[in-house]
Amino acid sequence: MTNYEMKSKVMSLGNRLAAKGNDRSAAFVQAWAIVKAGGLEMAVRGVSFGNRQEALRRLATYNPGQIKAVLVPEPTNPVDPAAIAVMVGVNNGRGLYRLGYVPRTLTPVVNAMRGQFLVLQVLEGEIRGARLALAV
């Protein structure tokens, strides 16, 4: 990534974070850290419910490149209307499975990474254990 591309991504992400009510200076520090790291890695929350541990064991049998993770906002979630579900599937598999959720503290950051569009942008990442990596 060129210096110009990096600065452009930092400015874009920093402005989106600041627009969501964050302190402008802190928003740009956070944006710089995310872009410099090449993305954001987070623990997926809620993986201990239901048969999600079995799903993780099954996912571990696939190569990481075969696993697709999609982030889906859940505005009708009764516990947290800002919740973002982590849905996973395997290439050429049947449908997606709810593995868990983006941590509540990171939902504003993930929303800012999605962009300023009203239409959901699909973010794909790599699942390693119960962690999700999002590239910028």
N, C-alpha and C. Protein backbone atom coordinates (compact mmCIF):
# COMPACT_ATOMS: atom_id res chain seq x y z
N MET A 1 0.85 -1.17 0.00
CA MET A 1 0.00 0.00 0.00
C MET A 1 0.90 1.23 0.00
N THR A 2 0.60 2.16 -0.89
CA THR A 2 1.40 3.37 -0.96
C THR A 2 1.06 4.29 0.21
N ASN A 3 1.93 5.24 0.43
CA ASN A 3 1.72 6.22 1.50
C ASN A 3 0.40 6.98 1.29
N TYR A 4 0.13 7.33 0.04
CA TYR A 4 -1.10 8.05 -0.29
C TYR A 4 -2.33 7.20 0.03
N GLU A 5 -2.30 5.92 -0.37
CA GLU A 5 -3.43 5.03 -0.11
C GLU A 5 -3.66 4.86 1.40
N MET A 6 -2.57 4.75 2.15
CA MET A 6 -2.68 4.60 3.59
C MET A 6 -3.32 5.84 4.21
N LYS A 7 -2.83 7.02 3.83
CA LYS A 7 -3.38 8.26 4.36
C LYS A 7 -4.85 8.41 4.00
N SER A 8 -5.19 8.03 2.78
CA SER A 8 -6.57 8.12 2.32
C SER A 8 -7.48 7.21 3.16
N LYS A 9 -7.03 5.99 3.45
CA LYS A 9 -7.82 5.07 4.26
C LYS A 9 -7.95 5.58 5.70
N VAL A 10 -6.87 6.13 6.24
CA VAL A 10 -6.92 6.68 7.60
C VAL A 10 -7.90 7.84 7.65
N MET A 11 -7.85 8.73 6.68
CA MET A 11 -8.75 9.88 6.67
C MET A 11 -10.21 9.43 6.55
N SER A 12 -10.45 8.50 5.66
CA SER A 12 -11.81 8.02 5.45
C SER A 12 -12.37 7.35 6.70
N LEU A 13 -11.61 6.41 7.26
CA LEU A 13 -12.06 5.70 8.45
C LEU A 13 -12.14 6.64 9.65
N GLY A 14 -11.16 7.51 9.82
CA GLY A 14 -11.16 8.46 10.93
C GLY A 14 -12.36 9.38 10.88
N ASN A 15 -12.69 9.88 9.70
CA ASN A 15 -13.86 10.75 9.56
C ASN A 15 -15.15 10.01 9.87
N ARG A 16 -15.25 8.74 9.44
CA ARG A 16 -16.45 7.96 9.72
C ARG A 16 -16.59 7.67 11.21
N LEU A 17 -15.47 7.37 11.86
CA LEU A 17 -15.51 7.13 13.31
C LEU A 17 -15.90 8.40 14.06
N ALA A 18 -15.34 9.54 13.65
CA ALA A 18 -15.65 10.81 14.30
C ALA A 18 -17.11 11.19 14.08
N ALA A 19 -17.66 10.86 12.92
CA ALA A 19 -19.05 11.18 12.62
C ALA A 19 -20.02 10.38 13.49
N LYS A 20 -19.56 9.28 14.03
CA LYS A 20 -20.41 8.44 14.88
C LYS A 20 -20.35 8.88 16.34
N GLY A 21 -19.83 10.08 16.59
CA GLY A 21 -19.86 10.64 17.93
C GLY A 21 -18.58 10.44 18.73
N ASN A 22 -17.56 9.84 18.13
CA ASN A 22 -16.29 9.66 18.83
C ASN A 22 -15.50 10.95 18.85
N ASP A 23 -14.62 11.09 19.82
CA ASP A 23 -13.69 12.21 19.87
C ASP A 23 -12.85 12.18 18.59
N ARG A 24 -12.77 13.30 17.90
CA ARG A 24 -12.11 13.35 16.59
C ARG A 24 -10.66 12.89 16.67
N SER A 25 -9.92 13.36 17.65
CA SER A 25 -8.52 12.98 17.79
C SER A 25 -8.39 11.48 18.06
N ALA A 26 -9.21 10.96 18.97
CA ALA A 26 -9.17 9.52 19.28
C ALA A 26 -9.60 8.69 18.08
N ALA A 27 -10.55 9.21 17.30
CA ALA A 27 -11.01 8.49 16.11
C ALA A 27 -9.88 8.32 15.11
N PHE A 28 -9.06 9.35 14.92
CA PHE A 28 -7.97 9.26 13.96
C PHE A 28 -6.83 8.39 14.49
N VAL A 29 -6.60 8.41 15.79
CA VAL A 29 -5.60 7.50 16.38
C VAL A 29 -6.03 6.06 16.16
N GLN A 30 -7.30 5.78 16.41
CA GLN A 30 -7.82 4.42 16.22
C GLN A 30 -7.78 4.04 14.74
N ALA A 31 -8.16 4.94 13.85
CA ALA A 31 -8.13 4.66 12.41
C ALA A 31 -6.70 4.37 11.95
N TRP A 32 -5.75 5.15 12.42
CA TRP A 32 -4.35 4.94 12.06
C TRP A 32 -3.88 3.56 12.50
N ALA A 33 -4.22 3.16 13.71
CA ALA A 33 -3.81 1.85 14.23
C ALA A 33 -4.42 0.72 13.40
N ILE A 34 -5.69 0.85 13.01
CA ILE A 34 -6.35 -0.19 12.22
C ILE A 34 -5.73 -0.30 10.83
N VAL A 35 -5.53 0.83 10.18
CA VAL A 35 -4.98 0.83 8.82
C VAL A 35 -3.53 0.35 8.83
N LYS A 36 -2.75 0.81 9.80
CA LYS A 36 -1.35 0.40 9.89
C LYS A 36 -1.24 -1.12 10.10
N ALA A 37 -2.16 -1.68 10.89
CA ALA A 37 -2.16 -3.13 11.14
C ALA A 37 -2.71 -3.91 9.95
N GLY A 38 -3.30 -3.22 8.99
CA GLY A 38 -3.86 -3.90 7.84
C GLY A 38 -5.29 -4.38 8.06
N GLY A 39 -5.85 -4.03 9.19
CA GLY A 39 -7.22 -4.44 9.47
C GLY A 39 -7.48 -4.54 10.96
N LEU A 40 -8.49 -5.28 11.29
CA LEU A 40 -8.93 -5.41 12.67
C LEU A 40 -9.17 -6.88 12.96
N GLU A 41 -8.66 -7.35 14.07
CA GLU A 41 -8.91 -8.73 14.49
C GLU A 41 -9.63 -8.68 15.82
N MET A 42 -10.65 -9.51 15.95
CA MET A 42 -11.45 -9.50 17.17
C MET A 42 -11.90 -10.90 17.54
N ALA A 43 -12.16 -11.08 18.82
CA ALA A 43 -12.75 -12.33 19.28
C ALA A 43 -14.23 -12.30 18.96
N VAL A 44 -14.74 -13.39 18.44
CA VAL A 44 -16.17 -13.49 18.17
C VAL A 44 -16.86 -13.83 19.49
N ARG A 45 -17.87 -13.06 19.85
CA ARG A 45 -18.58 -13.26 21.12
C ARG A 45 -19.72 -14.25 20.94
N GLY A 46 -20.03 -14.98 22.00
CA GLY A 46 -21.18 -15.87 21.99
C GLY A 46 -20.94 -17.24 21.40
N VAL A 47 -19.67 -17.62 21.23
CA VAL A 47 -19.39 -18.91 20.60
C VAL A 47 -19.59 -20.10 21.54
N SER A 48 -19.94 -19.84 22.79
CA SER A 48 -20.15 -20.94 23.72
C SER A 48 -21.63 -21.36 23.78
N PHE A 49 -22.51 -20.67 23.08
CA PHE A 49 -23.94 -20.99 23.10
C PHE A 49 -24.28 -22.07 22.09
N GLY A 50 -25.29 -22.85 22.43
CA GLY A 50 -25.80 -23.86 21.51
C GLY A 50 -24.72 -24.82 21.06
N ASN A 51 -24.74 -25.13 19.78
CA ASN A 51 -23.74 -26.06 19.24
C ASN A 51 -22.65 -25.33 18.46
N ARG A 52 -22.35 -24.10 18.87
CA ARG A 52 -21.35 -23.30 18.16
C ARG A 52 -19.93 -23.85 18.33
N GLN A 53 -19.64 -24.51 19.46
CA GLN A 53 -18.32 -25.11 19.62
C GLN A 53 -18.14 -26.26 18.62
N GLU A 54 -19.19 -27.02 18.39
CA GLU A 54 -19.14 -28.08 17.39
C GLU A 54 -18.92 -27.49 16.00
N ALA A 55 -19.58 -26.37 15.73
CA ALA A 55 -19.37 -25.69 14.44
C ALA A 55 -17.92 -25.26 14.29
N LEU A 56 -17.31 -24.74 15.37
CA LEU A 56 -15.89 -24.35 15.31
C LEU A 56 -15.00 -25.56 15.05
N ARG A 57 -15.30 -26.68 15.68
CA ARG A 57 -14.51 -27.89 15.45
C ARG A 57 -14.61 -28.32 13.98
N ARG A 58 -15.79 -28.23 13.43
CA ARG A 58 -15.96 -28.60 12.02
C ARG A 58 -15.24 -27.61 11.10
N LEU A 59 -15.33 -26.31 11.43
CA LEU A 59 -14.64 -25.31 10.61
C LEU A 59 -13.13 -25.52 10.63
N ALA A 60 -12.60 -26.04 11.74
CA ALA A 60 -11.16 -26.26 11.85
C ALA A 60 -10.66 -27.31 10.87
N THR A 61 -11.54 -28.11 10.31
CA THR A 61 -11.11 -29.14 9.36
C THR A 61 -10.92 -28.57 7.95
N TYR A 62 -11.34 -27.33 7.73
CA TYR A 62 -11.22 -26.70 6.42
C TYR A 62 -10.02 -25.76 6.38
N ASN A 63 -9.50 -25.51 5.19
CA ASN A 63 -8.47 -24.50 5.02
C ASN A 63 -9.11 -23.13 5.26
N PRO A 64 -8.38 -22.18 5.87
CA PRO A 64 -8.96 -20.86 6.13
C PRO A 64 -9.53 -20.19 4.89
N GLY A 65 -8.93 -20.42 3.74
CA GLY A 65 -9.42 -19.80 2.51
C GLY A 65 -10.77 -20.33 2.05
N GLN A 66 -11.18 -21.47 2.58
CA GLN A 66 -12.47 -22.05 2.21
C GLN A 66 -13.62 -21.52 3.07
N ILE A 67 -13.29 -20.84 4.15
CA ILE A 67 -14.30 -20.37 5.09
C ILE A 67 -14.64 -18.92 4.78
N LYS A 68 -15.92 -18.64 4.72
CA LYS A 68 -16.40 -17.29 4.44
C LYS A 68 -17.11 -16.78 5.68
N ALA A 69 -16.78 -15.57 6.08
CA ALA A 69 -17.46 -14.92 7.21
C ALA A 69 -18.17 -13.67 6.68
N VAL A 70 -19.41 -13.51 7.06
CA VAL A 70 -20.20 -12.37 6.62
C VAL A 70 -20.76 -11.69 7.87
N LEU A 71 -20.68 -10.38 7.90
CA LEU A 71 -21.21 -9.61 9.03
C LEU A 71 -22.58 -9.06 8.66
N VAL A 72 -23.57 -9.36 9.50
CA VAL A 72 -24.95 -8.97 9.22
C VAL A 72 -25.52 -8.19 10.41
N PRO A 73 -25.85 -6.90 10.23
CA PRO A 73 -26.48 -6.14 11.32
C PRO A 73 -27.82 -6.76 11.69
N GLU A 74 -28.14 -6.73 12.98
CA GLU A 74 -29.42 -7.27 13.47
C GLU A 74 -30.18 -6.19 14.23
N PRO A 75 -30.79 -5.24 13.53
CA PRO A 75 -31.50 -4.15 14.22
C PRO A 75 -32.70 -4.64 15.03
N THR A 76 -33.19 -5.84 14.77
CA THR A 76 -34.32 -6.37 15.53
C THR A 76 -33.88 -7.26 16.68
N ASN A 77 -32.58 -7.31 16.96
CA ASN A 77 -32.07 -8.12 18.06
C ASN A 77 -32.65 -7.57 19.37
N PRO A 78 -33.35 -8.42 20.17
CA PRO A 78 -33.99 -7.92 21.39
C PRO A 78 -33.02 -7.50 22.49
N VAL A 79 -31.80 -8.03 22.47
CA VAL A 79 -30.82 -7.70 23.50
C VAL A 79 -30.05 -6.44 23.14
N ASP A 80 -29.66 -6.31 21.86
CA ASP A 80 -28.86 -5.17 21.43
C ASP A 80 -29.21 -4.82 19.98
N PRO A 81 -29.97 -3.75 19.76
CA PRO A 81 -30.34 -3.38 18.39
C PRO A 81 -29.15 -3.02 17.50
N ALA A 82 -27.98 -2.75 18.09
CA ALA A 82 -26.79 -2.44 17.30
C ALA A 82 -25.96 -3.69 17.02
N ALA A 83 -26.46 -4.87 17.40
CA ALA A 83 -25.70 -6.12 17.25
C ALA A 83 -25.38 -6.41 15.79
N ILE A 84 -24.19 -6.99 15.59
CA ILE A 84 -23.76 -7.44 14.27
C ILE A 84 -23.42 -8.91 14.39
N ALA A 85 -24.18 -9.76 13.69
CA ALA A 85 -23.96 -11.20 13.73
C ALA A 85 -22.80 -11.58 12.82
N VAL A 86 -22.03 -12.58 13.25
CA VAL A 86 -20.97 -13.16 12.44
C VAL A 86 -21.52 -14.47 11.89
N MET A 87 -21.82 -14.47 10.61
CA MET A 87 -22.35 -15.64 9.94
C MET A 87 -21.20 -16.29 9.17
N VAL A 88 -21.08 -17.60 9.26
CA VAL A 88 -19.99 -18.30 8.58
C VAL A 88 -20.54 -19.41 7.70
N GLY A 89 -19.76 -19.73 6.70
CA GLY A 89 -20.09 -20.82 5.80
C GLY A 89 -18.82 -21.29 5.13
N VAL A 90 -18.94 -22.38 4.45
CA VAL A 90 -17.81 -22.96 3.72
C VAL A 90 -18.11 -22.81 2.24
N ASN A 91 -17.09 -22.47 1.45
CA ASN A 91 -17.29 -22.34 0.01
C ASN A 91 -17.97 -23.58 -0.53
N ASN A 92 -18.97 -23.37 -1.36
CA ASN A 92 -19.79 -24.44 -1.95
C ASN A 92 -20.59 -25.20 -0.90
N GLY A 93 -20.76 -24.61 0.28
CA GLY A 93 -21.56 -25.23 1.33
C GLY A 93 -23.01 -24.81 1.21
N ARG A 94 -23.82 -25.29 2.14
CA ARG A 94 -25.24 -24.96 2.13
C ARG A 94 -25.52 -23.89 3.18
N GLY A 95 -25.66 -22.65 2.77
CA GLY A 95 -26.06 -21.57 3.65
C GLY A 95 -25.00 -21.10 4.63
N LEU A 96 -25.45 -20.24 5.52
CA LEU A 96 -24.58 -19.65 6.53
C LEU A 96 -25.07 -20.02 7.92
N TYR A 97 -24.16 -20.04 8.87
CA TYR A 97 -24.46 -20.40 10.25
C TYR A 97 -24.06 -19.24 11.16
N ARG A 98 -24.92 -18.87 12.13
CA ARG A 98 -24.59 -17.79 13.06
C ARG A 98 -23.59 -18.33 14.08
N LEU A 99 -22.34 -17.91 13.95
CA LEU A 99 -21.29 -18.36 14.86
C LEU A 99 -21.30 -17.55 16.15
N GLY A 100 -21.65 -16.27 16.06
CA GLY A 100 -21.65 -15.41 17.23
C GLY A 100 -21.84 -13.97 16.80
N TYR A 101 -21.24 -13.05 17.57
CA TYR A 101 -21.45 -11.63 17.33
C TYR A 101 -20.14 -10.85 17.45
N VAL A 102 -20.11 -9.72 16.77
CA VAL A 102 -19.03 -8.75 16.93
C VAL A 102 -19.14 -8.21 18.35
N PRO A 103 -18.02 -8.07 19.08
CA PRO A 103 -18.10 -7.50 20.43
C PRO A 103 -18.79 -6.14 20.41
N ARG A 104 -19.64 -5.90 21.39
CA ARG A 104 -20.44 -4.67 21.46
C ARG A 104 -19.57 -3.42 21.37
N THR A 105 -18.38 -3.46 21.98
CA THR A 105 -17.50 -2.29 21.97
C THR A 105 -16.93 -1.99 20.58
N LEU A 106 -16.95 -2.98 19.69
CA LEU A 106 -16.38 -2.78 18.36
C LEU A 106 -17.42 -2.56 17.27
N THR A 107 -18.71 -2.62 17.61
CA THR A 107 -19.71 -2.43 16.55
C THR A 107 -19.63 -1.06 15.88
N PRO A 108 -19.34 0.04 16.61
CA PRO A 108 -19.20 1.32 15.90
C PRO A 108 -18.01 1.31 14.92
N VAL A 109 -16.93 0.65 15.30
CA VAL A 109 -15.75 0.59 14.43
C VAL A 109 -16.06 -0.25 13.19
N VAL A 110 -16.70 -1.39 13.39
CA VAL A 110 -17.04 -2.26 12.25
C VAL A 110 -18.02 -1.55 11.33
N ASN A 111 -18.98 -0.84 11.90
CA ASN A 111 -19.91 -0.08 11.06
C ASN A 111 -19.18 1.00 10.27
N ALA A 112 -18.20 1.64 10.87
CA ALA A 112 -17.42 2.66 10.15
C ALA A 112 -16.59 2.02 9.05
N MET A 113 -16.10 0.82 9.29
CA MET A 113 -15.32 0.12 8.26
C MET A 113 -16.20 -0.29 7.09
N ARG A 114 -17.49 -0.54 7.36
CA ARG A 114 -18.41 -0.93 6.30
C ARG A 114 -18.65 0.20 5.32
N GLY A 115 -18.46 1.41 5.74
CA GLY A 115 -18.66 2.53 4.85
C GLY A 115 -19.86 3.36 5.22
N GLN A 116 -20.15 4.33 4.43
CA GLN A 116 -21.23 5.26 4.71
C GLN A 116 -22.46 4.94 3.89
N PHE A 117 -22.56 3.74 3.35
CA PHE A 117 -23.68 3.38 2.50
C PHE A 117 -24.83 2.85 3.33
N LEU A 118 -26.04 3.09 2.89
CA LEU A 118 -27.21 2.59 3.59
C LEU A 118 -27.42 1.11 3.32
N VAL A 119 -26.92 0.64 2.20
CA VAL A 119 -27.04 -0.78 1.85
C VAL A 119 -25.91 -1.54 2.53
N LEU A 120 -26.23 -2.70 3.05
CA LEU A 120 -25.22 -3.52 3.72
C LEU A 120 -24.11 -3.91 2.76
N GLN A 121 -22.89 -3.66 3.15
CA GLN A 121 -21.75 -4.16 2.41
C GLN A 121 -21.29 -5.44 3.09
N VAL A 122 -21.06 -6.45 2.33
CA VAL A 122 -20.60 -7.72 2.89
C VAL A 122 -19.10 -7.63 3.12
N LEU A 123 -18.71 -7.88 4.36
CA LEU A 123 -17.30 -7.95 4.70
C LEU A 123 -16.95 -9.42 4.85
N GLU A 124 -15.91 -9.84 4.19
CA GLU A 124 -15.48 -11.21 4.34
C GLU A 124 -14.18 -11.21 5.12
N GLY A 125 -14.03 -12.19 5.94
CA GLY A 125 -12.83 -12.29 6.75
C GLY A 125 -12.40 -13.72 6.90
N GLU A 126 -11.48 -13.94 7.77
CA GLU A 126 -10.94 -15.27 8.02
C GLU A 126 -11.21 -15.63 9.47
N ILE A 127 -11.78 -16.80 9.68
CA ILE A 127 -12.03 -17.28 11.03
C ILE A 127 -10.86 -18.16 11.46
N ARG A 128 -10.28 -17.84 12.60
CA ARG A 128 -9.22 -18.67 13.19
C ARG A 128 -9.64 -18.93 14.63
N GLY A 129 -10.06 -20.15 14.89
CA GLY A 129 -10.60 -20.42 16.23
C GLY A 129 -11.89 -19.64 16.36
N ALA A 130 -11.96 -18.74 17.28
CA ALA A 130 -13.13 -17.90 17.44
C ALA A 130 -12.74 -16.43 17.26
N ARG A 131 -11.82 -16.17 16.33
CA ARG A 131 -11.40 -14.81 16.04
C ARG A 131 -11.72 -14.49 14.60
N LEU A 132 -12.03 -13.25 14.34
CA LEU A 132 -12.37 -12.79 13.00
C LEU A 132 -11.40 -11.69 12.61
N ALA A 133 -10.84 -11.79 11.43
CA ALA A 133 -9.93 -10.77 10.93
C ALA A 133 -10.61 -10.04 9.77
N LEU A 134 -10.66 -8.71 9.86
CA LEU A 134 -11.22 -7.88 8.80
C LEU A 134 -10.10 -7.05 8.19
N ALA A 135 -9.94 -7.15 6.90
CA ALA A 135 -8.89 -6.38 6.22
C ALA A 135 -9.43 -5.03 5.79
N VAL A 136 -8.54 -4.03 5.75
CA VAL A 136 -8.93 -2.71 5.23
C VAL A 136 -8.31 -2.52 3.86
